[in-house]
Structures are given as structure tokens and as C-alpha cells.
Amino acid sequence: MRLPWHAVLLALLVLVSSTAPAQLLDPPTFVPKRSDRRVRFTAVDVGGGGAWLLDAKRASADVAVGVSHTAAIVRALTFAPGLRWGGGTGDDRRALVHRVSASVEVRWHPGGRDGYGFVRACPGVAWPHEGAVFALQASVGASWWFAAMDDDPTEAWPRLWLTPEVGFAWGAEALRGPFARLSLTLSL
């Protein structure tokens, strides 16, 4: 015997309504302990990727090295300031453009388990061939940990994370455009 679609829908609605509404609308919030190594750590990352230089209308290779430290924890959000160095080719393919910046990173730890999402802003100075100029990079990304020295996830360190991110860079004409980067991060 075949059930009509509206009977199946009604059965599903009854099943879902038997679950407490608060469980559906208000999922549990992850509140880490202050010593939880999944959220409080110093991170050192090395990555590479590419950028599309809008004014030069061409792609550029990009490398970056950064260090940050969790300075504050508010529920599932953490604040991690840091320092970054980046390099890539500007509008002149032979010249390496250096970029030094402070980073401001806000991380969101949903469930605090295997990873986190982040937004990062990096105001700083870049040195293309025309001299030092103001530069800014803004990006969004995520990190997933894939290796640790300990089985206990709250105490595991050092830990290795895979970190993809995408963003946009502002600055001199030779530095403006979208970028994508993949980094390997070591947390201590």
C-alpha cells in the first residue's frame, strides 16, 4: 500500500514537533575552558597561493608567513592579534614585493572540535618598486586540524592545521586584487 505524500509530511511534522522547540532554535553554544588548547594557542603559519592583480591584469604568486596568539576568548569567539610577512611579484614580474603587517583575527569555534572559521584584516606597509606604501589585506577562511601529538583534543599540542583562505588586497596599483592562499599552521 502506498501512502499519500501529505500523510508522510504530516508524520514528519509530528516527529519534528515532538522534539523540544528550544533544541531546534537554540543549539548548544560551545564555551571553552580558558586552558583549552583547541582555542587558546600561538599559531605559526606558512602558506602560498596566487593573486589576480587588477591593474596589471595578470596573476601573481604569493607567499606568506605569520604568527598570532589568542589574546581573548568570548564564548565561541576568540581574538588573535599577530604579525605577518608576505611576498609576491608586483606589476614587474622580476621584482619581489615585500609586505609587513599587523594582523587582527577573529576566530569562531563552532563546537570547538576539529576546526574554526576566521576573518582577518592585515593593515601594513608594502615595498613595491615605487617605494613604501600603505597596504591592506582582508580575508575569510577556515582551519581544520589533522595531526596532534596527544589523543586528548583539549590538551593536544603541538597541532597541525590546514588553512585555506580567500580575500582581497588593497594598496599600490601593483598590489590590488583578489587572492587565494593555502597554509600549513602549527599551533603551540
Protein backbone atom coordinates (compact mmCIF):
# COMPACT_ATOMS: atom_id res chain seq x y z
CA MET A 1 0.00 0.00 0.00
CA ARG A 2 1.34 3.40 -0.98
CA LEU A 3 1.00 6.33 1.45
CA PRO A 4 -0.03 9.72 0.08
CA TRP A 5 2.63 12.42 0.25
CA HIS A 6 0.62 14.57 2.65
CA ALA A 7 0.42 11.68 5.17
CA VAL A 8 4.21 11.30 5.08
CA LEU A 9 4.63 15.06 5.52
CA LEU A 10 2.20 15.08 8.45
CA ALA A 11 4.10 12.20 10.11
CA LEU A 12 7.38 14.10 9.71
CA LEU A 13 5.85 17.25 11.21
CA VAL A 14 4.58 15.30 14.22
CA LEU A 15 8.02 13.72 14.68
CA VAL A 16 9.83 17.06 14.46
CA SER A 17 7.33 18.80 16.75
CA SER A 18 7.91 16.17 19.43
CA THR A 19 11.49 17.48 19.70
CA ALA A 20 11.73 20.33 22.17
CA PRO A 21 11.48 23.62 20.21
CA ALA A 22 14.36 25.09 22.22
CA GLN A 23 16.63 22.33 20.93
CA LEU A 24 15.80 23.23 17.33
CA LEU A 25 16.04 27.01 17.66
CA ASP A 26 18.82 27.35 20.21
CA PRO A 27 21.66 24.88 19.59
CA PRO A 28 24.14 24.45 22.44
CA THR A 29 26.89 27.05 22.45
CA PHE A 30 30.47 25.93 22.81
CA VAL A 31 32.07 27.66 25.79
CA PRO A 32 35.71 26.56 26.08
CA LYS A 33 37.74 26.42 29.27
CA ARG A 34 40.42 29.09 29.45
CA SER A 35 43.11 26.39 29.15
CA ASP A 36 41.53 24.60 26.16
CA ARG A 37 44.36 24.15 23.61
CA ARG A 38 41.83 23.96 20.76
CA VAL A 39 41.11 27.68 21.12
CA ARG A 40 43.98 29.20 23.16
CA PHE A 41 47.26 28.84 21.29
CA THR A 42 50.09 30.52 19.44
CA ALA A 43 49.91 29.81 15.71
CA VAL A 44 52.75 29.93 13.19
CA ASP A 45 51.67 29.57 9.57
CA VAL A 46 53.40 29.30 6.22
CA GLY A 47 51.40 29.42 3.03
CA GLY A 48 51.35 30.08 -0.64
CA GLY A 49 48.83 30.89 -3.28
CA GLY A 50 48.04 33.28 -6.02
CA ALA A 51 46.59 36.71 -6.61
CA TRP A 52 45.00 38.41 -9.56
CA LEU A 53 46.50 41.88 -9.96
CA LEU A 54 43.67 44.07 -11.26
CA ASP A 55 45.78 46.88 -12.70
CA ALA A 56 48.39 44.60 -14.30
CA LYS A 57 45.66 42.18 -15.48
CA ARG A 58 47.72 39.12 -14.64
CA ALA A 59 48.25 36.51 -11.95
CA SER A 60 50.96 36.69 -9.31
CA ALA A 61 52.47 34.09 -6.99
CA ASP A 62 52.09 34.87 -3.30
CA VAL A 63 53.79 33.57 -0.15
CA ALA A 64 53.05 34.46 3.47
CA VAL A 65 54.40 33.74 6.94
CA GLY A 66 52.54 34.74 10.08
CA VAL A 67 52.40 34.35 13.83
CA SER A 68 49.41 35.06 16.08
CA HIS A 69 48.35 34.38 19.66
CA THR A 70 44.92 34.04 21.23
CA ALA A 71 44.52 37.12 23.40
CA ALA A 72 40.85 36.89 24.39
CA ILE A 73 38.05 34.32 24.48
CA VAL A 74 34.38 35.31 24.50
CA ARG A 75 32.16 32.22 24.35
CA ALA A 76 32.88 30.60 20.96
CA LEU A 77 34.80 33.62 19.60
CA THR A 78 38.50 34.26 20.06
CA PHE A 79 40.58 37.31 19.22
CA ALA A 80 44.13 36.68 17.97
CA PRO A 81 46.41 39.60 17.05
CA GLY A 82 49.64 38.87 15.23
CA LEU A 83 52.33 39.83 12.74
CA ARG A 84 52.63 38.78 9.08
CA TRP A 85 55.12 39.00 6.25
CA GLY A 86 54.06 38.44 2.68
CA GLY A 87 55.80 38.50 -0.63
CA GLY A 88 54.85 38.24 -4.26
CA THR A 89 55.60 39.66 -7.66
CA GLY A 90 54.12 43.05 -8.40
CA ASP A 91 53.50 44.57 -11.84
CA ASP A 92 57.17 43.94 -12.67
CA ARG A 93 57.48 40.13 -12.64
CA ARG A 94 61.17 40.22 -11.70
CA ALA A 95 60.74 42.29 -8.51
CA LEU A 96 59.65 40.74 -5.23
CA VAL A 97 57.19 42.95 -3.36
CA HIS A 98 57.51 42.67 0.43
CA ARG A 99 54.56 43.30 2.73
CA VAL A 100 54.80 43.60 6.55
CA SER A 101 51.61 43.93 8.54
CA ALA A 102 49.89 43.56 11.87
CA SER A 103 47.03 41.07 11.76
CA VAL A 104 43.72 41.28 13.56
CA GLU A 105 41.95 37.92 13.51
CA VAL A 106 38.58 36.89 14.95
CA ARG A 107 38.01 33.13 15.10
CA TRP A 108 34.70 31.33 15.50
CA HIS A 109 34.90 27.85 17.04
CA PRO A 110 31.59 26.09 16.32
CA GLY A 111 31.58 23.18 18.73
CA GLY A 112 35.28 23.70 19.32
CA ARG A 113 36.16 20.36 17.85
CA ASP A 114 38.06 19.99 14.62
CA GLY A 115 38.42 23.50 13.35
CA TYR A 116 37.37 27.12 13.24
CA GLY A 117 36.39 29.84 10.80
CA PHE A 118 38.02 33.25 10.79
CA VAL A 119 38.03 36.76 9.40
CA ARG A 120 41.36 38.55 9.24
CA ALA A 121 42.42 42.12 8.47
CA CYS A 122 46.10 42.92 7.92
CA PRO A 123 46.96 46.63 7.67
CA GLY A 124 50.61 47.24 6.94
CA VAL A 125 53.29 48.55 4.62
CA ALA A 126 54.38 47.17 1.25
CA TRP A 127 57.51 47.90 -0.75
CA PRO A 128 56.87 47.73 -4.49
CA HIS A 129 59.41 49.30 -6.83
CA GLU A 130 57.97 52.82 -6.30
CA GLY A 131 58.71 52.83 -2.51
CA ALA A 132 56.83 52.11 0.71
CA VAL A 133 53.04 52.36 0.52
CA PHE A 134 50.11 51.53 2.78
CA ALA A 135 48.68 48.06 2.12
CA LEU A 136 45.67 46.19 3.49
CA GLN A 137 44.57 42.59 3.10
CA ALA A 138 41.22 41.28 4.30
CA SER A 139 40.32 37.60 4.15
CA VAL A 140 37.97 34.86 5.35
CA GLY A 141 38.96 31.27 5.84
CA ALA A 142 38.84 28.17 7.96
CA SER A 143 41.32 25.87 9.69
CA TRP A 144 40.96 22.13 10.24
CA TRP A 145 43.37 20.25 12.48
CA PHE A 146 44.58 16.98 11.08
CA ALA A 147 47.50 15.93 13.30
CA ALA A 148 48.30 16.22 17.00
CA MET A 149 50.79 14.77 19.47
CA ASP A 150 48.13 13.74 22.03
CA ASP A 151 44.80 11.89 21.92
CA ASP A 152 43.06 14.34 24.27
CA PRO A 153 41.70 17.11 22.00
CA THR A 154 41.67 19.69 24.80
CA GLU A 155 45.37 19.26 25.60
CA ALA A 156 46.82 18.30 22.20
CA TRP A 157 49.77 20.39 21.17
CA PRO A 158 51.61 20.92 19.00
CA ARG A 159 48.87 20.54 16.41
CA LEU A 160 48.93 20.87 12.60
CA TRP A 161 46.11 22.69 10.80
CA LEU A 162 45.24 23.05 7.11
CA THR A 163 44.10 26.62 6.42
CA PRO A 164 42.54 27.77 3.13
CA GLU A 165 41.55 31.43 2.80
CA VAL A 166 40.34 33.90 0.19
CA GLY A 167 40.44 37.67 0.31
CA PHE A 168 41.20 40.98 -1.30
CA ALA A 169 44.30 43.19 -1.14
CA TRP A 170 44.37 47.00 -1.37
CA GLY A 171 47.43 49.17 -1.77
CA ALA A 172 49.58 50.41 -4.61
CA GLU A 173 48.31 49.70 -8.10
CA ALA A 174 50.69 46.76 -8.35
CA LEU A 175 49.14 45.07 -5.28
CA ARG A 176 45.37 45.42 -5.70
CA GLY A 177 43.17 42.38 -6.30
CA PRO A 178 41.64 39.14 -5.04
CA PHE A 179 43.80 36.33 -3.69
CA ALA A 180 43.57 32.73 -2.50
CA ARG A 181 46.04 31.03 -0.19
CA LEU A 182 46.56 27.60 1.36
CA SER A 183 48.64 27.47 4.55
CA LEU A 184 50.00 24.89 6.92
CA THR A 185 49.65 26.12 10.50
CA LEU A 186 51.45 24.84 13.58
CA SER A 187 49.82 25.65 16.92
CA LEU A 188 51.85 25.66 20.12
